Amino acid sequence: MADEETPDYTLTLEDGTVVHTSREFTGCGRAVYANGEVYDGDFDEGVRHGKGTYWYRNGDVYTGQFQENEKHGMGRLVYTGGTSAQGSTYHGQFKEGEKHGQGTYKYNNGDVYSGDWAKGRKHGRGTYVYEDGSSLEGKWKEGSLMAGTWTLPSGVRFLGDFKENKPFGEGKWEMPCRQGHTVSGKYVHSRAPTEEGQEAVDDNLSLRFIPHDT
């Protein structure tokens, strides 16, 4: 997604007056930038500052708060451009142009993440609900779940450590259909046997759950 334009622009005021020299303008207006992007909202001495709506040239639309030309504060970003995010939406807090703070991202495949963000990534406490009803809930770091709970549609849950959003390390399974039965153990990655002298690659990795002795 393109960054918001900051070069010269043509400004149309609320009364229809067109201003070509607008660097010192404070108030509400509609700016058309050289690349075709448009901003309609508040200005402070010629920069976007306050509430407004920004239309990107790829079709994405942001409505919310701005500070010194950047998305900053509460806002809603709708992805309509021709990218993999097309049809997705984010509603929440921004800081210096990036998702930062509390927010909800609705993916175009039906998945939803609600929780903390930092510098555009899931970071902190949050819950990711998949379209099939399963979910990941817990502590996230730089976009991935580190520790928490994976709940399946059946109600079966895994509680423990994660790596790249998959169980890894210590944890336990809870099976409500078996009267609160739990199985504690450890997830480990193991490599499939390879020919002698051949380096194992990621395709040879498998995930195994090893129960602790009871």
Protein backbone atom coordinates (compact mmCIF):
# COMPACT_ATOMS: atom_id res chain seq x y z
CA MET A 1 0.00 0.00 0.00
CA ALA A 2 1.35 3.41 -0.95
CA ASP A 3 2.42 5.83 1.74
CA GLU A 4 0.36 8.98 2.11
CA GLU A 5 1.56 11.74 -0.17
CA THR A 6 3.26 14.77 1.36
CA PRO A 7 4.38 16.83 -1.72
CA ASP A 8 2.42 19.74 -3.21
CA TYR A 9 -1.30 19.35 -3.64
CA THR A 10 -4.35 21.25 -4.80
CA LEU A 11 -6.65 22.11 -1.90
CA THR A 12 -10.39 22.72 -2.17
CA LEU A 13 -12.00 24.41 0.83
CA GLU A 14 -15.46 23.69 2.19
CA ASP A 15 -16.88 26.72 0.36
CA GLY A 16 -15.49 25.50 -2.97
CA THR A 17 -12.49 27.84 -3.07
CA VAL A 18 -9.42 26.27 -4.70
CA VAL A 19 -6.09 27.05 -3.02
CA HIS A 20 -2.84 26.20 -4.82
CA THR A 21 -0.50 27.54 -2.13
CA SER A 22 -1.69 25.64 0.93
CA ARG A 23 1.34 25.00 3.13
CA GLU A 24 0.11 27.32 5.88
CA PHE A 25 -3.57 26.34 5.70
CA THR A 26 -5.36 25.34 8.92
CA GLY A 27 -8.92 24.06 8.75
CA CYS A 28 -10.95 21.51 6.79
CA GLY A 29 -10.43 20.86 3.10
CA ARG A 30 -9.99 18.33 0.31
CA ALA A 31 -6.52 17.77 -1.10
CA VAL A 32 -5.75 16.11 -4.44
CA TYR A 33 -2.12 14.97 -4.66
CA ALA A 34 0.12 14.66 -7.70
CA ASN A 35 -0.21 10.86 -7.78
CA GLY A 36 -4.02 10.99 -7.76
CA GLU A 37 -4.52 10.15 -4.07
CA VAL A 38 -7.06 12.21 -2.15
CA TYR A 39 -7.44 13.41 1.45
CA ASP A 40 -10.58 15.00 2.85
CA GLY A 41 -10.32 16.27 6.41
CA ASP A 42 -8.51 18.48 8.90
CA PHE A 43 -5.26 20.34 8.26
CA ASP A 44 -2.89 22.12 10.62
CA GLU A 45 -0.46 24.50 8.90
CA GLY A 46 -0.68 22.55 5.68
CA VAL A 47 -0.31 19.00 7.03
CA ARG A 48 -2.95 16.36 7.73
CA HIS A 49 -3.73 16.63 11.42
CA GLY A 50 -7.04 15.68 13.04
CA LYS A 51 -9.84 13.61 11.51
CA GLY A 52 -10.09 12.73 7.86
CA THR A 53 -10.37 10.16 5.07
CA TYR A 54 -7.55 9.18 2.72
CA TRP A 55 -8.13 7.40 -0.61
CA TYR A 56 -5.07 5.54 -1.91
CA ARG A 57 -4.42 5.11 -5.61
CA ASN A 58 -4.69 1.31 -5.27
CA GLY A 59 -8.25 1.64 -3.91
CA ASP A 60 -7.58 1.26 -0.16
CA VAL A 61 -9.40 3.73 2.11
CA TYR A 62 -8.44 4.96 5.59
CA THR A 63 -10.84 6.91 7.79
CA GLY A 64 -9.75 8.13 11.19
CA GLN A 65 -7.23 10.29 12.99
CA PHE A 66 -4.03 11.80 11.60
CA GLN A 67 -1.01 13.41 13.17
CA GLU A 68 1.62 15.24 11.14
CA ASN A 69 0.52 13.57 7.87
CA GLU A 70 0.47 10.01 9.28
CA LYS A 71 -2.27 7.68 10.46
CA HIS A 72 -2.16 8.14 14.22
CA GLY A 73 -4.90 7.34 16.75
CA MET A 74 -8.15 5.49 16.11
CA GLY A 75 -9.02 4.60 12.55
CA ARG A 76 -10.42 2.12 10.06
CA LEU A 77 -8.45 0.84 7.07
CA VAL A 78 -10.33 -0.98 4.31
CA TYR A 79 -8.21 -2.94 1.84
CA THR A 80 -9.83 -2.83 -1.60
CA GLY A 81 -6.72 -2.66 -3.77
CA GLY A 82 -5.46 -5.53 -5.90
CA THR A 83 -3.33 -7.22 -3.22
CA SER A 84 -3.57 -10.40 -1.14
CA ALA A 85 -5.24 -8.30 1.58
CA GLN A 86 -8.10 -7.23 -0.70
CA GLY A 87 -11.40 -7.47 1.19
CA SER A 88 -9.75 -7.30 4.63
CA THR A 89 -10.37 -4.54 7.19
CA TYR A 90 -8.61 -3.22 10.28
CA HIS A 91 -10.29 -1.13 12.95
CA GLY A 92 -8.25 0.09 15.87
CA GLN A 93 -5.29 2.17 16.91
CA PHE A 94 -2.44 3.43 14.76
CA LYS A 95 0.89 5.00 15.60
CA GLU A 96 3.09 6.82 13.09
CA GLY A 97 1.32 5.16 10.17
CA GLU A 98 1.31 1.57 11.49
CA LYS A 99 -1.15 -0.62 13.36
CA HIS A 100 -0.15 -0.14 16.99
CA GLY A 101 -2.19 -0.64 20.16
CA GLN A 102 -5.58 -2.34 20.37
CA GLY A 103 -7.26 -3.38 17.14
CA THR A 104 -9.28 -5.94 15.19
CA TYR A 105 -8.24 -7.27 11.78
CA LYS A 106 -10.85 -9.12 9.72
CA TYR A 107 -9.21 -11.19 7.01
CA ASN A 108 -10.77 -11.74 3.61
CA ASN A 109 -10.95 -15.50 4.28
CA GLY A 110 -13.17 -15.06 7.34
CA ASP A 111 -10.46 -15.25 10.02
CA VAL A 112 -10.40 -12.53 12.72
CA TYR A 113 -7.64 -11.33 15.06
CA SER A 114 -8.48 -9.07 18.01
CA GLY A 115 -5.87 -7.82 20.43
CA ASP A 116 -2.60 -5.96 20.73
CA TRP A 117 -0.43 -4.71 17.87
CA ALA A 118 3.04 -3.17 17.70
CA LYS A 119 4.65 -1.66 14.60
CA GLY A 120 2.14 -3.35 12.30
CA ARG A 121 2.39 -6.85 13.83
CA LYS A 122 0.41 -8.86 16.36
CA HIS A 123 2.29 -8.28 19.59
CA GLY A 124 0.99 -8.69 23.14
CA ARG A 125 -2.27 -10.34 24.20
CA GLY A 126 -4.69 -11.37 21.49
CA THR A 127 -7.06 -13.94 20.02
CA TYR A 128 -7.07 -15.30 16.47
CA VAL A 129 -10.30 -17.03 15.44
CA TYR A 130 -10.24 -19.12 12.28
CA GLU A 131 -13.16 -19.37 9.88
CA ASP A 132 -13.66 -23.04 10.90
CA GLY A 133 -14.21 -22.04 14.56
CA SER A 134 -10.82 -23.03 15.97
CA SER A 135 -8.80 -20.35 17.75
CA LEU A 136 -5.41 -19.31 19.11
CA GLU A 137 -5.36 -17.18 22.25
CA GLY A 138 -2.46 -15.95 24.31
CA LYS A 139 0.77 -13.99 24.09
CA TRP A 140 2.00 -12.91 20.66
CA LYS A 141 5.40 -11.65 19.62
CA GLU A 142 6.21 -10.02 16.28
CA GLY A 143 3.27 -11.69 14.54
CA SER A 144 3.40 -15.20 16.03
CA LEU A 145 1.82 -16.87 19.06
CA MET A 146 4.44 -17.73 21.68
CA ALA A 147 2.35 -19.19 24.53
CA GLY A 148 -1.34 -19.75 25.02
CA THR A 149 -4.27 -21.94 24.07
CA TRP A 150 -5.24 -23.64 20.81
CA THR A 151 -8.93 -24.58 20.89
CA LEU A 152 -10.45 -26.92 18.29
CA PRO A 153 -14.11 -26.76 17.17
CA SER A 154 -14.73 -29.97 19.16
CA GLY A 155 -13.71 -28.21 22.40
CA VAL A 156 -10.43 -30.09 22.72
CA ARG A 157 -7.68 -27.67 23.78
CA PHE A 158 -3.90 -27.53 23.81
CA LEU A 159 -2.32 -25.28 26.46
CA GLY A 160 1.37 -24.56 26.26
CA ASP A 161 4.18 -23.13 24.17
CA PHE A 162 4.04 -22.34 20.46
CA LYS A 163 6.42 -21.65 17.62
CA GLU A 164 5.21 -20.10 14.35
CA ASN A 165 1.61 -20.54 15.60
CA LYS A 166 2.05 -24.30 16.12
CA PRO A 167 2.45 -26.26 19.39
CA PHE A 168 6.10 -26.55 20.34
CA GLY A 169 7.69 -27.56 23.63
CA GLU A 170 5.87 -28.13 26.90
CA GLY A 171 2.10 -28.29 27.03
CA LYS A 172 -0.97 -30.37 27.67
CA TRP A 173 -4.14 -31.45 25.92
CA GLU A 174 -7.51 -31.08 27.63
CA MET A 175 -10.32 -33.33 26.42
CA PRO A 176 -13.72 -32.27 27.83
CA CYS A 177 -15.47 -35.26 26.31
CA ARG A 178 -13.49 -37.48 28.69
CA GLN A 179 -14.59 -35.91 31.99
CA GLY A 180 -11.79 -33.36 32.18
CA HIS A 181 -9.09 -35.84 31.13
CA THR A 182 -5.75 -34.17 30.42
CA VAL A 183 -2.55 -35.44 28.85
CA SER A 184 0.67 -33.56 29.64
CA GLY A 185 3.73 -33.85 27.47
CA LYS A 186 6.10 -32.12 25.12
CA TYR A 187 5.96 -31.30 21.41
CA VAL A 188 9.21 -31.88 19.55
CA HIS A 189 10.29 -31.59 15.94
CA SER A 190 12.03 -34.66 14.57
CA ARG A 191 13.71 -35.23 11.23
CA ALA A 192 12.91 -38.12 8.95
CA PRO A 193 15.89 -40.37 8.12
CA THR A 194 17.93 -39.24 5.11
CA GLU A 195 20.60 -40.87 3.04
CA GLU A 196 24.02 -40.83 4.64
CA GLY A 197 25.78 -37.55 4.02
CA GLN A 198 22.60 -35.80 2.84
CA GLU A 199 21.56 -32.77 4.85
CA ALA A 200 18.02 -32.93 6.19
CA VAL A 201 15.71 -30.15 4.97
CA ASP A 202 12.54 -28.62 6.38
CA ASP A 203 10.35 -30.99 4.35
CA ASN A 204 11.70 -33.84 6.49
CA LEU A 205 10.50 -32.24 9.73
CA SER A 206 7.56 -33.74 11.60
CA LEU A 207 5.85 -32.73 14.83
CA ARG A 208 5.39 -35.32 17.58
CA PHE A 209 3.69 -35.09 20.96
CA ILE A 210 5.50 -37.11 23.63
CA PRO A 211 3.39 -37.67 26.79
CA HIS A 212 5.15 -37.47 30.13
CA ASP A 213 5.33 -40.66 32.16
CA THR A 214 2.34 -41.02 34.50
